[in-house]
Amino acid sequence: MVRIIQLNLRQEAIISIVKEKGPITGEQIANELNLTRASLRPDLAFLVQIGYLGARPRVGYYYSERPRYSNLVEEINKLKVKDFKSVPAVISEKTSVYDAIVALFVHDVGTLFVVSETSILAGVISRKDLLKTAMGKLDINNLPVGVIMTRMPNIITTTPEESLVSAAQKIIEHEVDALPVVRPMEEKLEVIGRITKSTITKAFVEIGLGRIGEGGSQY
């Protein structure tokens, strides 16, 4: 079982005792560890709070076969890209590097998607690409982004039905700031949205605030 909450050695020991001898009182657990009941109170309260242990009056502590966070993991894995995608910032392949830099600031994004007139994905250009080019000796007013953009098959994409966790893994593994959300259009890809590092952060905050539960995003 994968744990997303790190337990200390004392808490691990308490869980082992309760699994083996529960239901068991706090006093009995303290005796097993040669500690006082008072010194264990914070650990016991924490383990009950996160769902590793249950507690009943006059019965004691018992082990929970399903910690609460397991439900959270299930809910997170249900989240889909389509529930969180935002409007993509797009430019054409003929856009100059200078105008692309302006668009980057106007849209307040870190990545621009280069598309055709029918929103078909042609390329991706990042702030790093633009900065590197701007620092060179090329005329950025007349240089089209099509010359410096990343093209297929080197573009990492996501789809509306892909899980948000999977999209986040792509962002981390490929060290990019954003992914174009695409859908097949014959043998090409139509850009219909974007997922960014900020998207993932906002989703995490929404989960922490309890605004996301069954059914996906509450936006």
Foldseek 3Di string as FASTA:
>chain_A
DDDPDDDDPLLVLLLVCQAVDPPDALCVSCVVVVHHSVVCVVSVVVCVVQAQWPADPPGHIHGDPDGPCVQVVVLLQQAWPLQQFDAAAEDEQQQFLVVVVVSCVVVVHFKYFHADPQQFGFFIDGPVQSVVVVPDDDDRRRHGCNVRTHGPPVADAAERGHRPVVLVVCCVVVVHFKHFHWDDDPPTTGGDGMDGPVSVVVQVVCVVVVQADPPHHND
